[in-house]
Amino acid sequence: MITVRAIAPGKVVLAGEYAVLHGAHAVAATVNRFARVVIETTDKPWIEVRAPGYCEESVRYRATEDGLLQAATSVPAKKNFSLFERAWRACAPLSLRGALITMDTSEFVDPVKRSKLGLGSSAALCVALTAAFTFKNDKISIAQLAGRIHQDFQGGGSGVDIACAVHGGVIDFCRDRGAPPKVALPDGLHLAVLWSGKPASTAASIKALSTSLQGAGRHATLHKLCAAADTLAGCWRSGNAAELFAQHRQYGEALSEFDADQKLGIYAGGHAEMAAAANNDGLFYKPCGAGGGDVGLAIALDAKKLQSFTELAPTLGFQPLELGFGVEGVRCTREDHGG
């Protein structure tokens, strides 16, 4: 019997959301919330899949001789395992006939509201599944394969969350440019991630932007956002905390203007109120990723000011998350128990 374990981290987008979809740079950091995949081979004639954090019930499949999956039990109501099925098809683990597969994303879920936090759980799970199914140590290969699976699953996306989960750390990401270079979290720049209490759909936001950009004259604010994102990424590479803080404010103005023009609701779900409160306190705040819910990022040059702001956040409906930034990327181990 064989046991394979894979673990991949979530992420927060520090800069470049939406702009990264159109060729600009994004800066993103891994966080210490992990998707964990365990594959245990068994002598059973089926593949049993469990998904703590997503679904209480398990699902059974049978693997055909050509590696296809056939559902042996009905999928629970309002749930589906399409990411798992896509990963299986893409990775073709033909040797698996009987196995217990656990896909644990419970660290990405609010324990009270049972809602996803918006820290890239599907990308982290996709990377962990890809690593476990293929058992490859080549991160470029994992990123390429997991990226195709996740694009198919989500219907688009930049791939920044996949790159983060694979490579780890804080990355300067640009589409179709290979392994992203790492950047450092500079001394004197203090970050906090806050949960809005409202889940948001990245796929829906990407679709809404695509529709909006079909209108005449709708690209000016996108070009401005892309320019601000590239400038901000350059500041991240230079590592000057004061310059980074100032440029984040410039980027925030471009993101807000872009949101108003494209009518995406990035600052909905309480983010606009948080941004105003941060500005009044001499801090900077923006939604992370798609916005409209999920999480936001507060940045300060003064750690005490940031602490005061996070203590105020619950009065605006937000909860600070205790996160570590820049953790290691995907890891995979295999144990052969004999038999």
C-alpha atoms as a PDB file:
ATOM      1  CA  MET A   1       0.000   0.000   0.000  1.00  0.00           C
ATOM      2  CA  ILE A   2       1.138   3.528  -0.797  1.00  0.00           C
ATOM      3  CA  THR A   3       0.341   6.863   0.816  1.00  0.00           C
ATOM      4  CA  VAL A   4       0.994  10.122  -1.046  1.00  0.00           C
ATOM      5  CA  ARG A   5       0.665  13.449   0.740  1.00  0.00           C
ATOM      6  CA  ALA A   6       0.682  16.869  -0.921  1.00  0.00           C
ATOM      7  CA  ILE A   7       0.257  20.304   0.608  1.00  0.00           C
ATOM      8  CA  ALA A   8      -0.088  23.681  -1.139  1.00  0.00           C
ATOM      9  CA  PRO A   9      -0.663  27.163   0.322  1.00  0.00           C
ATOM     10  CA  GLY A  10      -3.257  29.828  -0.321  1.00  0.00           C
ATOM     11  CA  LYS A  11      -2.486  33.379  -1.345  1.00  0.00           C
ATOM     12  CA  VAL A  12      -3.384  37.054  -1.169  1.00  0.00           C
ATOM     13  CA  VAL A  13      -2.932  39.460  -4.066  1.00  0.00           C
ATOM     14  CA  LEU A  14      -0.940  42.440  -2.849  1.00  0.00           C
ATOM     15  CA  ALA A  15      -1.112  44.359  -6.138  1.00  0.00           C
ATOM     16  CA  GLY A  16      -2.243  43.957  -9.733  1.00  0.00           C
ATOM     17  CA  GLU A  17      -5.700  42.392  -9.500  1.00  0.00           C
ATOM     18  CA  TYR A  18      -7.611  42.573 -12.808  1.00  0.00           C
ATOM     19  CA  ALA A  19      -4.597  44.252 -14.454  1.00  0.00           C
ATOM     20  CA  VAL A  20      -2.753  40.927 -14.402  1.00  0.00           C
ATOM     21  CA  LEU A  21      -5.452  39.477 -16.679  1.00  0.00           C
ATOM     22  CA  HIS A  22      -4.297  41.920 -19.365  1.00  0.00           C
ATOM     23  CA  GLY A  23      -0.530  41.499 -19.257  1.00  0.00           C
ATOM     24  CA  ALA A  24       0.412  43.678 -16.285  1.00  0.00           C
ATOM     25  CA  HIS A  25       2.417  42.562 -13.274  1.00  0.00           C
ATOM     26  CA  ALA A  26       0.847  41.324 -10.062  1.00  0.00           C
ATOM     27  CA  VAL A  27       2.497  40.820  -6.697  1.00  0.00           C
ATOM     28  CA  ALA A  28       1.078  38.052  -4.536  1.00  0.00           C
ATOM     29  CA  ALA A  29       2.109  36.336  -1.333  1.00  0.00           C
ATOM     30  CA  THR A  30       1.446  32.842  -0.072  1.00  0.00           C
ATOM     31  CA  VAL A  31      -0.248  32.569   3.321  1.00  0.00           C
ATOM     32  CA  ASN A  32      -0.186  29.818   5.902  1.00  0.00           C
ATOM     33  CA  ARG A  33      -3.550  28.310   5.025  1.00  0.00           C
ATOM     34  CA  PHE A  34      -3.082  25.005   3.215  1.00  0.00           C
ATOM     35  CA  ALA A  35      -4.929  22.591   0.963  1.00  0.00           C
ATOM     36  CA  ARG A  36      -3.934  19.065   1.952  1.00  0.00           C
ATOM     37  CA  VAL A  37      -4.352  16.032  -0.284  1.00  0.00           C
ATOM     38  CA  VAL A  38      -3.778  12.475   0.934  1.00  0.00           C
ATOM     39  CA  ILE A  39      -4.036   9.468  -1.390  1.00  0.00           C
ATOM     40  CA  GLU A  40      -4.075   6.084   0.317  1.00  0.00           C
ATOM     41  CA  THR A  41      -4.232   3.050  -1.949  1.00  0.00           C
ATOM     42  CA  THR A  42      -6.661   0.323  -0.852  1.00  0.00           C
ATOM     43  CA  ASP A  43      -7.795  -3.112  -1.995  1.00  0.00           C
ATOM     44  CA  LYS A  44     -11.320  -1.789  -2.592  1.00  0.00           C
ATOM     45  CA  PRO A  45     -12.741  -1.694  -6.141  1.00  0.00           C
ATOM     46  CA  TRP A  46     -13.492   1.998  -5.950  1.00  0.00           C
ATOM     47  CA  ILE A  47     -12.004   5.470  -5.437  1.00  0.00           C
ATOM     48  CA  GLU A  48     -13.544   7.132  -2.391  1.00  0.00           C
ATOM     49  CA  VAL A  49     -13.189  10.904  -2.228  1.00  0.00           C
ATOM     50  CA  ARG A  50     -13.623  12.976   0.910  1.00  0.00           C
ATOM     51  CA  ALA A  51     -13.514  16.763   0.981  1.00  0.00           C
ATOM     52  CA  PRO A  52     -13.413  18.254   4.500  1.00  0.00           C
ATOM     53  CA  GLY A  53     -14.087  21.966   4.378  1.00  0.00           C
ATOM     54  CA  TYR A  54     -16.229  21.574   1.279  1.00  0.00           C
ATOM     55  CA  CYS A  55     -18.660  18.728   1.732  1.00  0.00           C
ATOM     56  CA  GLU A  56     -19.501  16.462   4.655  1.00  0.00           C
ATOM     57  CA  GLU A  57     -20.409  13.458   2.507  1.00  0.00           C
ATOM     58  CA  SER A  58     -17.941  11.373   0.529  1.00  0.00           C
ATOM     59  CA  VAL A  59     -18.332  10.253  -3.080  1.00  0.00           C
ATOM     60  CA  ARG A  60     -17.236   6.994  -4.707  1.00  0.00           C
ATOM     61  CA  TYR A  61     -16.011   6.487  -8.251  1.00  0.00           C
ATOM     62  CA  ARG A  62     -14.897   3.471 -10.236  1.00  0.00           C
ATOM     63  CA  ALA A  63     -11.882   3.801 -12.498  1.00  0.00           C
ATOM     64  CA  THR A  64     -12.280   2.164 -15.897  1.00  0.00           C
ATOM     65  CA  GLU A  65      -9.453   0.369 -17.703  1.00  0.00           C
ATOM     66  CA  ASP A  66      -8.742   3.451 -19.797  1.00  0.00           C
ATOM     67  CA  GLY A  67      -8.486   5.642 -16.691  1.00  0.00           C
ATOM     68  CA  LEU A  68     -11.898   7.325 -16.862  1.00  0.00           C
ATOM     69  CA  LEU A  69     -14.045   7.838 -13.790  1.00  0.00           C
ATOM     70  CA  GLN A  70     -17.575   6.566 -13.348  1.00  0.00           C
ATOM     71  CA  ALA A  71     -19.583   7.816 -10.385  1.00  0.00           C
ATOM     72  CA  ALA A  72     -20.488   4.883  -8.140  1.00  0.00           C
ATOM     73  CA  THR A  73     -22.551   7.044  -5.766  1.00  0.00           C
ATOM     74  CA  SER A  74     -24.581  10.158  -6.394  1.00  0.00           C
ATOM     75  CA  VAL A  75     -22.908  13.492  -5.747  1.00  0.00           C
ATOM     76  CA  PRO A  76     -24.465  15.266  -2.739  1.00  0.00           C
ATOM     77  CA  ALA A  77     -27.104  17.862  -3.499  1.00  0.00           C
ATOM     78  CA  LYS A  78     -25.751  21.304  -4.464  1.00  0.00           C
ATOM     79  CA  LYS A  79     -22.198  19.974  -4.491  1.00  0.00           C
ATOM     80  CA  ASN A  80     -19.937  18.742  -7.237  1.00  0.00           C
ATOM     81  CA  PHE A  81     -16.442  17.406  -7.498  1.00  0.00           C
ATOM     82  CA  SER A  82     -15.630  18.827 -10.911  1.00  0.00           C
ATOM     83  CA  LEU A  83     -12.165  20.099  -9.905  1.00  0.00           C
ATOM     84  CA  PHE A  84     -11.213  16.609  -8.734  1.00  0.00           C
ATOM     85  CA  GLU A  85     -12.611  15.063 -11.925  1.00  0.00           C
ATOM     86  CA  ARG A  86     -10.731  17.551 -14.127  1.00  0.00           C
ATOM     87  CA  ALA A  87      -7.489  16.888 -12.250  1.00  0.00           C
ATOM     88  CA  TRP A  88      -7.983  13.136 -12.625  1.00  0.00           C
ATOM     89  CA  ARG A  89      -8.544  13.403 -16.377  1.00  0.00           C
ATOM     90  CA  ALA A  90      -5.561  15.698 -16.901  1.00  0.00           C
ATOM     91  CA  CYS A  91      -3.129  13.723 -14.744  1.00  0.00           C
ATOM     92  CA  ALA A  92      -4.346  10.253 -15.775  1.00  0.00           C
ATOM     93  CA  PRO A  93      -3.270   8.286 -12.675  1.00  0.00           C
ATOM     94  CA  LEU A  94      -3.850   4.964 -14.442  1.00  0.00           C
ATOM     95  CA  SER A  95      -2.361   2.858 -11.660  1.00  0.00           C
ATOM     96  CA  LEU A  96      -5.036   3.933  -9.187  1.00  0.00           C
ATOM     97  CA  ARG A  97      -7.923   1.506  -8.988  1.00  0.00           C
ATOM     98  CA  GLY A  98      -8.702   1.433  -5.298  1.00  0.00           C
ATOM     99  CA  ALA A  99      -7.939   4.435  -3.090  1.00  0.00           C
ATOM    100  CA  LEU A 100      -9.149   6.753  -0.374  1.00  0.00           C
ATOM    101  CA  ILE A 101      -8.492  10.339  -1.436  1.00  0.00           C
ATOM    102  CA  THR A 102      -8.875  13.143   1.083  1.00  0.00           C
ATOM    103  CA  MET A 103      -8.916  16.751  -0.173  1.00  0.00           C
ATOM    104  CA  ASP A 104      -8.904  18.943   2.926  1.00  0.00           C
ATOM    105  CA  THR A 105      -9.537  22.678   2.431  1.00  0.00           C
ATOM    106  CA  SER A 106     -10.993  23.329   5.875  1.00  0.00           C
ATOM    107  CA  GLU A 107      -8.291  25.918   6.639  1.00  0.00           C
ATOM    108  CA  PHE A 108      -9.835  28.151   3.967  1.00  0.00           C
ATOM    109  CA  VAL A 109     -13.287  28.199   5.577  1.00  0.00           C
ATOM    110  CA  ASP A 110     -14.701  30.534   8.229  1.00  0.00           C
ATOM    111  CA  PRO A 111     -15.429  28.140  11.122  1.00  0.00           C
ATOM    112  CA  VAL A 112     -18.551  30.062  12.142  1.00  0.00           C
ATOM    113  CA  LYS A 113     -20.137  31.118   8.836  1.00  0.00           C
ATOM    114  CA  ARG A 114     -18.835  28.075   6.910  1.00  0.00           C
ATOM    115  CA  SER A 115     -18.018  30.384   3.989  1.00  0.00           C
ATOM    116  CA  LYS A 116     -14.822  30.390   1.936  1.00  0.00           C
ATOM    117  CA  LEU A 117     -12.439  33.149   3.002  1.00  0.00           C
ATOM    118  CA  GLY A 118     -11.207  33.990  -0.500  1.00  0.00           C
ATOM    119  CA  LEU A 119      -7.579  32.924  -0.066  1.00  0.00           C
ATOM    120  CA  GLY A 120      -7.261  30.842  -3.225  1.00  0.00           C
ATOM    121  CA  SER A 121      -8.506  27.484  -1.968  1.00  0.00           C
ATOM    122  CA  SER A 122      -9.384  26.061  -5.385  1.00  0.00           C
ATOM    123  CA  ALA A 123      -5.948  26.903  -6.814  1.00  0.00           C
ATOM    124  CA  ALA A 124      -4.162  25.481  -3.772  1.00  0.00           C
ATOM    125  CA  LEU A 125      -6.242  22.301  -4.008  1.00  0.00           C
ATOM    126  CA  CYS A 126      -5.619  22.051  -7.755  1.00  0.00           C
ATOM    127  CA  VAL A 127      -1.856  22.312  -7.223  1.00  0.00           C
ATOM    128  CA  ALA A 128      -1.898  19.769  -4.387  1.00  0.00           C
ATOM    129  CA  LEU A 129      -3.968  17.329  -6.471  1.00  0.00           C
ATOM    130  CA  THR A 130      -1.684  17.738  -9.473  1.00  0.00           C
ATOM    131  CA  ALA A 131       1.414  17.123  -7.365  1.00  0.00           C
ATOM    132  CA  ALA A 132      -0.137  14.095  -5.654  1.00  0.00           C
ATOM    133  CA  PHE A 133      -1.426  12.509  -8.880  1.00  0.00           C
ATOM    134  CA  THR A 134       1.787  13.017 -10.866  1.00  0.00           C
ATOM    135  CA  PHE A 135       4.287  12.946  -7.992  1.00  0.00           C
ATOM    136  CA  LYS A 136       6.566  15.345  -9.837  1.00  0.00           C
ATOM    137  CA  ASN A 137       9.239  17.535  -8.264  1.00  0.00           C
ATOM    138  CA  ASP A 138       9.440  19.813 -11.307  1.00  0.00           C
ATOM    139  CA  LYS A 139       7.580  22.935 -10.249  1.00  0.00           C
ATOM    140  CA  ILE A 140       7.384  24.326 -13.784  1.00  0.00           C
ATOM    141  CA  SER A 141       5.602  21.162 -14.955  1.00  0.00           C
ATOM    142  CA  ILE A 142       3.242  21.235 -11.957  1.00  0.00           C
ATOM    143  CA  ALA A 143       2.446  24.907 -12.566  1.00  0.00           C
ATOM    144  CA  GLN A 144       1.716  24.355 -16.267  1.00  0.00           C
ATOM    145  CA  LEU A 145      -0.512  21.330 -15.728  1.00  0.00           C
ATOM    146  CA  ALA A 146      -2.310  22.726 -12.678  1.00  0.00           C
ATOM    147  CA  GLY A 147      -2.768  26.017 -14.542  1.00  0.00           C
ATOM    148  CA  ARG A 148      -4.554  24.301 -17.415  1.00  0.00           C
ATOM    149  CA  ILE A 149      -6.776  22.339 -15.019  1.00  0.00           C
ATOM    150  CA  HIS A 150      -7.682  25.437 -13.016  1.00  0.00           C
ATOM    151  CA  GLN A 151      -8.350  27.552 -16.109  1.00  0.00           C
ATOM    152  CA  ASP A 152     -10.726  24.868 -17.345  1.00  0.00           C
ATOM    153  CA  PHE A 153     -12.387  24.689 -13.924  1.00  0.00           C
ATOM    154  CA  GLN A 154     -12.698  28.442 -13.363  1.00  0.00           C
ATOM    155  CA  GLY A 155     -13.316  29.490 -16.954  1.00  0.00           C
ATOM    156  CA  GLY A 156     -10.340  31.836 -17.105  1.00  0.00           C
ATOM    157  CA  GLY A 157      -7.983  33.634 -14.768  1.00  0.00           C
ATOM    158  CA  SER A 158      -4.406  34.874 -14.788  1.00  0.00           C
ATOM    159  CA  GLY A 159      -2.703  31.957 -13.053  1.00  0.00           C
ATOM    160  CA  VAL A 160      -1.206  34.080 -10.262  1.00  0.00           C
ATOM    161  CA  ASP A 161      -2.847  31.942  -7.572  1.00  0.00           C
ATOM    162  CA  ILE A 162      -1.484  28.749  -9.161  1.00  0.00           C
ATOM    163  CA  ALA A 163       2.013  30.274  -9.391  1.00  0.00           C
ATOM    164  CA  CYS A 164       1.866  31.274  -5.738  1.00  0.00           C
ATOM    165  CA  ALA A 165       0.759  27.824  -4.601  1.00  0.00           C
ATOM    166  CA  VAL A 166       3.520  26.152  -6.627  1.00  0.00           C
ATOM    167  CA  HIS A 167       6.509  28.416  -6.077  1.00  0.00           C
ATOM    168  CA  GLY A 168       5.722  29.896  -2.662  1.00  0.00           C
ATOM    169  CA  GLY A 169       6.974  33.134  -1.141  1.00  0.00           C
ATOM    170  CA  VAL A 170       6.134  36.600  -2.436  1.00  0.00           C
ATOM    171  CA  ILE A 171       6.195  36.644  -6.230  1.00  0.00           C
ATOM    172  CA  ASP A 172       6.256  39.188  -9.029  1.00  0.00           C
ATOM    173  CA  PHE A 173       3.965  37.500 -11.531  1.00  0.00           C
ATOM    174  CA  CYS A 174       3.308  38.207 -15.191  1.00  0.00           C
ATOM    175  CA  ARG A 175       1.400  35.835 -17.461  1.00  0.00           C
ATOM    176  CA  ASP A 176       3.293  33.473 -19.768  1.00  0.00           C
ATOM    177  CA  ARG A 177       6.725  34.387 -18.437  1.00  0.00           C
ATOM    178  CA  GLY A 178       7.827  31.176 -16.726  1.00  0.00           C
ATOM    179  CA  ALA A 179       8.779  30.883 -13.080  1.00  0.00           C
ATOM    180  CA  PRO A 180       8.024  34.207 -11.337  1.00  0.00           C
ATOM    181  CA  PRO A 181      10.881  35.969  -9.532  1.00  0.00           C
ATOM    182  CA  LYS A 182      10.626  36.386  -5.759  1.00  0.00           C
ATOM    183  CA  VAL A 183      10.448  39.734  -3.995  1.00  0.00           C
ATOM    184  CA  ALA A 184      10.918  40.514  -0.322  1.00  0.00           C
ATOM    185  CA  LEU A 185       8.544  41.918   2.254  1.00  0.00           C
ATOM    186  CA  PRO A 186      10.451  45.081   3.131  1.00  0.00           C
ATOM    187  CA  ASP A 187      11.236  46.099   6.680  1.00  0.00           C
ATOM    188  CA  GLY A 188       8.929  48.855   7.860  1.00  0.00           C
ATOM    189  CA  LEU A 189       5.927  47.836   5.763  1.00  0.00           C
ATOM    190  CA  HIS A 190       3.195  46.213   7.842  1.00  0.00           C
ATOM    191  CA  LEU A 191       0.343  44.141   6.379  1.00  0.00           C
ATOM    192  CA  ALA A 192      -2.955  42.814   7.681  1.00  0.00           C
ATOM    193  CA  VAL A 193      -5.602  40.736   5.900  1.00  0.00           C
ATOM    194  CA  LEU A 194      -9.232  41.217   6.880  1.00  0.00           C
ATOM    195  CA  TRP A 195     -12.184  38.958   6.085  1.00  0.00           C
ATOM    196  CA  SER A 196     -15.380  40.677   4.905  1.00  0.00           C
ATOM    197  CA  GLY A 197     -17.643  37.823   5.946  1.00  0.00           C
ATOM    198  CA  LYS A 198     -19.008  37.669   2.410  1.00  0.00           C
ATOM    199  CA  PRO A 199     -17.729  35.175  -0.185  1.00  0.00           C
ATOM    200  CA  ALA A 200     -17.235  36.427  -3.755  1.00  0.00           C
ATOM    201  CA  SER A 201     -16.976  34.710  -7.130  1.00  0.00           C
ATOM    202  CA  THR A 202     -13.783  35.322  -9.089  1.00  0.00           C
ATOM    203  CA  ALA A 203     -15.211  33.588 -12.162  1.00  0.00           C
ATOM    204  CA  ALA A 204     -18.267  35.862 -12.173  1.00  0.00           C
ATOM    205  CA  SER A 205     -16.076  38.965 -11.875  1.00  0.00           C
ATOM    206  CA  ILE A 206     -13.851  37.879 -14.767  1.00  0.00           C
ATOM    207  CA  LYS A 207     -16.914  37.310 -16.915  1.00  0.00           C
ATOM    208  CA  ALA A 208     -18.377  40.694 -15.947  1.00  0.00           C
ATOM    209  CA  LEU A 209     -15.153  42.475 -16.911  1.00  0.00           C
ATOM    210  CA  SER A 210     -15.013  40.691 -20.254  1.00  0.00           C
ATOM    211  CA  THR A 211     -18.553  41.866 -20.984  1.00  0.00           C
ATOM    212  CA  SER A 212     -17.825  45.422 -19.864  1.00  0.00           C
ATOM    213  CA  LEU A 213     -14.727  45.751 -22.036  1.00  0.00           C
ATOM    214  CA  GLN A 214     -16.786  45.056 -25.131  1.00  0.00           C
ATOM    215  CA  GLY A 215     -18.315  48.514 -24.750  1.00  0.00           C
ATOM    216  CA  ALA A 216     -16.832  51.489 -26.582  1.00  0.00           C
ATOM    217  CA  GLY A 217     -14.299  53.573 -24.675  1.00  0.00           C
ATOM    218  CA  ARG A 218     -14.040  51.155 -21.756  1.00  0.00           C
ATOM    219  CA  HIS A 219     -10.308  50.469 -21.980  1.00  0.00           C
ATOM    220  CA  ALA A 220      -8.911  53.785 -20.721  1.00  0.00           C
ATOM    221  CA  THR A 221      -9.289  52.954 -17.023  1.00  0.00           C
ATOM    222  CA  LEU A 222      -7.929  49.458 -17.657  1.00  0.00           C
ATOM    223  CA  HIS A 223      -4.791  50.887 -19.279  1.00  0.00           C
ATOM    224  CA  LYS A 224      -4.388  53.276 -16.335  1.00  0.00           C
ATOM    225  CA  LEU A 225      -4.761  50.389 -13.876  1.00  0.00           C
ATOM    226  CA  CYS A 226      -2.201  48.286 -15.769  1.00  0.00           C
ATOM    227  CA  ALA A 227       0.311  51.142 -15.733  1.00  0.00           C
ATOM    228  CA  ALA A 228      -0.216  51.642 -11.993  1.00  0.00           C
ATOM    229  CA  ALA A 229       0.175  47.911 -11.383  1.00  0.00           C
ATOM    230  CA  ASP A 230       3.461  47.761 -13.308  1.00  0.00           C
ATOM    231  CA  THR A 231       4.817  50.776 -11.435  1.00  0.00           C
ATOM    232  CA  LEU A 232       3.785  49.248  -8.127  1.00  0.00           C
ATOM    233  CA  ALA A 233       5.453  45.943  -8.993  1.00  0.00           C
ATOM    234  CA  GLY A 234       8.625  47.875  -9.715  1.00  0.00           C
ATOM    235  CA  CYS A 235       8.409  49.418  -6.246  1.00  0.00           C
ATOM    236  CA  TRP A 236       8.064  45.939  -4.760  1.00  0.00           C
ATOM    237  CA  ARG A 237      11.236  44.911  -6.565  1.00  0.00           C
ATOM    238  CA  SER A 238      13.115  47.933  -5.194  1.00  0.00           C
ATOM    239  CA  GLY A 239      11.942  47.180  -1.657  1.00  0.00           C
ATOM    240  CA  ASN A 240      11.610  50.735  -0.319  1.00  0.00           C
ATOM    241  CA  ALA A 241       8.777  50.711   2.241  1.00  0.00           C
ATOM    242  CA  ALA A 242       7.899  54.418   2.001  1.00  0.00           C
ATOM    243  CA  GLU A 243       7.817  54.349  -1.805  1.00  0.00           C
ATOM    244  CA  LEU A 244       5.741  51.168  -1.725  1.00  0.00           C
ATOM    245  CA  PHE A 245       3.189  52.714   0.612  1.00  0.00           C
ATOM    246  CA  ALA A 246       2.871  55.845  -1.510  1.00  0.00           C
ATOM    247  CA  GLN A 247       2.554  53.840  -4.733  1.00  0.00           C
ATOM    248  CA  HIS A 248      -0.074  51.567  -3.193  1.00  0.00           C
ATOM    249  CA  ARG A 249      -2.180  54.668  -2.653  1.00  0.00           C
ATOM    250  CA  GLN A 250      -1.731  55.648  -6.302  1.00  0.00           C
ATOM    251  CA  TYR A 251      -2.661  52.135  -7.341  1.00  0.00           C
ATOM    252  CA  GLY A 252      -5.733  52.240  -5.078  1.00  0.00           C
ATOM    253  CA  GLU A 253      -6.951  55.379  -6.827  1.00  0.00           C
ATOM    254  CA  ALA A 254      -6.571  53.674 -10.218  1.00  0.00           C
ATOM    255  CA  LEU A 255      -8.358  50.548  -8.965  1.00  0.00           C
ATOM    256  CA  SER A 256     -11.246  52.606  -7.580  1.00  0.00           C
ATOM    257  CA  GLU A 257     -11.588  54.555 -10.844  1.00  0.00           C
ATOM    258  CA  PHE A 258     -11.468  51.310 -12.819  1.00  0.00           C
ATOM    259  CA  ASP A 259     -14.152  49.804 -10.576  1.00  0.00           C
ATOM    260  CA  ALA A 260     -16.463  52.786 -11.028  1.00  0.00           C
ATOM    261  CA  ASP A 261     -15.978  52.766 -14.789  1.00  0.00           C
ATOM    262  CA  GLN A 262     -16.424  49.018 -15.303  1.00  0.00           C
ATOM    263  CA  LYS A 263     -19.148  48.700 -12.623  1.00  0.00           C
ATOM    264  CA  LEU A 264     -17.667  45.523 -11.177  1.00  0.00           C
ATOM    265  CA  GLY A 265     -18.459  46.163  -7.516  1.00  0.00           C
ATOM    266  CA  ILE A 266     -14.852  45.585  -6.426  1.00  0.00           C
ATOM    267  CA  TYR A 267     -15.332  47.951  -3.482  1.00  0.00           C
ATOM    268  CA  ALA A 268     -18.763  46.590  -2.591  1.00  0.00           C
ATOM    269  CA  GLY A 269     -19.327  44.300   0.380  1.00  0.00           C
ATOM    270  CA  GLY A 270     -17.943  46.860   2.850  1.00  0.00           C
ATOM    271  CA  HIS A 271     -14.589  47.419   1.139  1.00  0.00           C
ATOM    272  CA  ALA A 272     -15.360  51.067   0.304  1.00  0.00           C
ATOM    273  CA  GLU A 273     -16.088  51.832   3.961  1.00  0.00           C
ATOM    274  CA  MET A 274     -12.883  50.077   5.020  1.00  0.00           C
ATOM    275  CA  ALA A 275     -10.861  52.036   2.467  1.00  0.00           C
ATOM    276  CA  ALA A 276     -12.319  55.329   3.703  1.00  0.00           C
ATOM    277  CA  ALA A 277     -11.625  54.454   7.345  1.00  0.00           C
ATOM    278  CA  ALA A 278      -8.038  53.451   6.519  1.00  0.00           C
ATOM    279  CA  ASN A 279      -7.430  56.671   4.601  1.00  0.00           C
ATOM    280  CA  ASN A 280      -8.694  58.727   7.539  1.00  0.00           C
ATOM    281  CA  ASP A 281      -6.241  56.910   9.822  1.00  0.00           C
ATOM    282  CA  GLY A 282      -3.255  57.418   7.522  1.00  0.00           C
ATOM    283  CA  LEU A 283      -3.280  53.832   6.252  1.00  0.00           C
ATOM    284  CA  PHE A 284      -4.072  52.214   2.924  1.00  0.00           C
ATOM    285  CA  TYR A 285      -6.692  49.534   2.278  1.00  0.00           C
ATOM    286  CA  LYS A 286      -7.866  47.719  -0.821  1.00  0.00           C
ATOM    287  CA  PRO A 287      -9.863  44.606  -1.699  1.00  0.00           C
ATOM    288  CA  CYS A 288      -7.768  41.589  -2.689  1.00  0.00           C
ATOM    289  CA  GLY A 289      -8.420  39.730  -5.912  1.00  0.00           C
ATOM    290  CA  ALA A 290     -11.924  40.001  -7.341  1.00  0.00           C
ATOM    291  CA  GLY A 291     -13.268  42.123  -4.479  1.00  0.00           C
ATOM    292  CA  GLY A 292     -16.956  42.546  -3.709  1.00  0.00           C
ATOM    293  CA  GLY A 293     -16.398  40.383  -0.621  1.00  0.00           C
ATOM    294  CA  ASP A 294     -13.703  37.875   0.355  1.00  0.00           C
ATOM    295  CA  VAL A 295     -10.683  39.585   1.941  1.00  0.00           C
ATOM    296  CA  GLY A 296      -8.975  42.942   1.870  1.00  0.00           C
ATOM    297  CA  LEU A 297      -5.471  44.165   2.611  1.00  0.00           C
ATOM    298  CA  ALA A 298      -4.489  46.956   5.007  1.00  0.00           C
ATOM    299  CA  ILE A 299      -1.003  48.461   4.738  1.00  0.00           C
ATOM    300  CA  ALA A 300       0.759  50.816   7.134  1.00  0.00           C
ATOM    301  CA  LEU A 301       4.200  52.197   7.875  1.00  0.00           C
ATOM    302  CA  ASP A 302       3.302  52.349  11.571  1.00  0.00           C
ATOM    303  CA  ALA A 303       2.628  48.981  13.225  1.00  0.00           C
ATOM    304  CA  LYS A 304       0.627  50.552  16.069  1.00  0.00           C
ATOM    305  CA  LYS A 305      -1.680  52.325  13.616  1.00  0.00           C
ATOM    306  CA  LEU A 306      -2.272  49.043  11.816  1.00  0.00           C
ATOM    307  CA  GLN A 307      -3.097  47.294  15.080  1.00  0.00           C
ATOM    308  CA  SER A 308      -5.600  50.020  15.983  1.00  0.00           C
ATOM    309  CA  PHE A 309      -7.200  49.705  12.560  1.00  0.00           C
ATOM    310  CA  THR A 310      -7.565  45.928  12.807  1.00  0.00           C
ATOM    311  CA  GLU A 311      -9.151  46.350  16.247  1.00  0.00           C
ATOM    312  CA  LEU A 312     -11.654  48.772  14.683  1.00  0.00           C
ATOM    313  CA  ALA A 313     -12.408  46.472  11.725  1.00  0.00           C
ATOM    314  CA  PRO A 314     -15.099  44.328  13.474  1.00  0.00           C
ATOM    315  CA  THR A 315     -17.244  47.444  13.936  1.00  0.00           C
ATOM    316  CA  LEU A 316     -17.313  47.643  10.118  1.00  0.00           C
ATOM    317  CA  GLY A 317     -18.127  43.932   9.770  1.00  0.00           C
ATOM    318  CA  PHE A 318     -14.579  42.702   9.038  1.00  0.00           C
ATOM    319  CA  GLN A 319     -12.492  40.196  10.954  1.00  0.00           C
ATOM    320  CA  PRO A 320      -8.683  40.255  10.994  1.00  0.00           C
ATOM    321  CA  LEU A 321      -7.073  36.965   9.979  1.00  0.00           C
ATOM    322  CA  GLU A 322      -3.929  35.734  11.710  1.00  0.00           C
ATOM    323  CA  LEU A 323      -1.765  34.916   8.698  1.00  0.00           C
ATOM    324  CA  GLY A 324       1.878  34.336   7.980  1.00  0.00           C
ATOM    325  CA  PHE A 325       3.136  35.598   4.613  1.00  0.00           C
ATOM    326  CA  GLY A 326       5.586  34.097   2.148  1.00  0.00           C
ATOM    327  CA  VAL A 327       5.370  30.446   3.161  1.00  0.00           C
ATOM    328  CA  GLU A 328       6.879  27.614   1.109  1.00  0.00           C
ATOM    329  CA  GLY A 329       5.115  26.359  -2.023  1.00  0.00           C
ATOM    330  CA  VAL A 330       3.800  22.898  -2.866  1.00  0.00           C
ATOM    331  CA  ARG A 331       5.367  19.873  -1.189  1.00  0.00           C
ATOM    332  CA  CYS A 332       4.737  16.194  -1.837  1.00  0.00           C
ATOM    333  CA  THR A 333       5.864  13.010  -0.082  1.00  0.00           C
ATOM    334  CA  ARG A 334       5.309   9.309  -0.731  1.00  0.00           C
ATOM    335  CA  GLU A 335       5.371   6.390   1.707  1.00  0.00           C
ATOM    336  CA  ASP A 336       5.466   2.751   0.577  1.00  0.00           C
ATOM    337  CA  HIS A 337       4.034   0.485   3.278  1.00  0.00           C
ATOM    338  CA  GLY A 338       4.611  -2.751   1.354  1.00  0.00           C
ATOM    339  CA  GLY A 339       1.897  -5.363   0.848  1.00  0.00           C
END
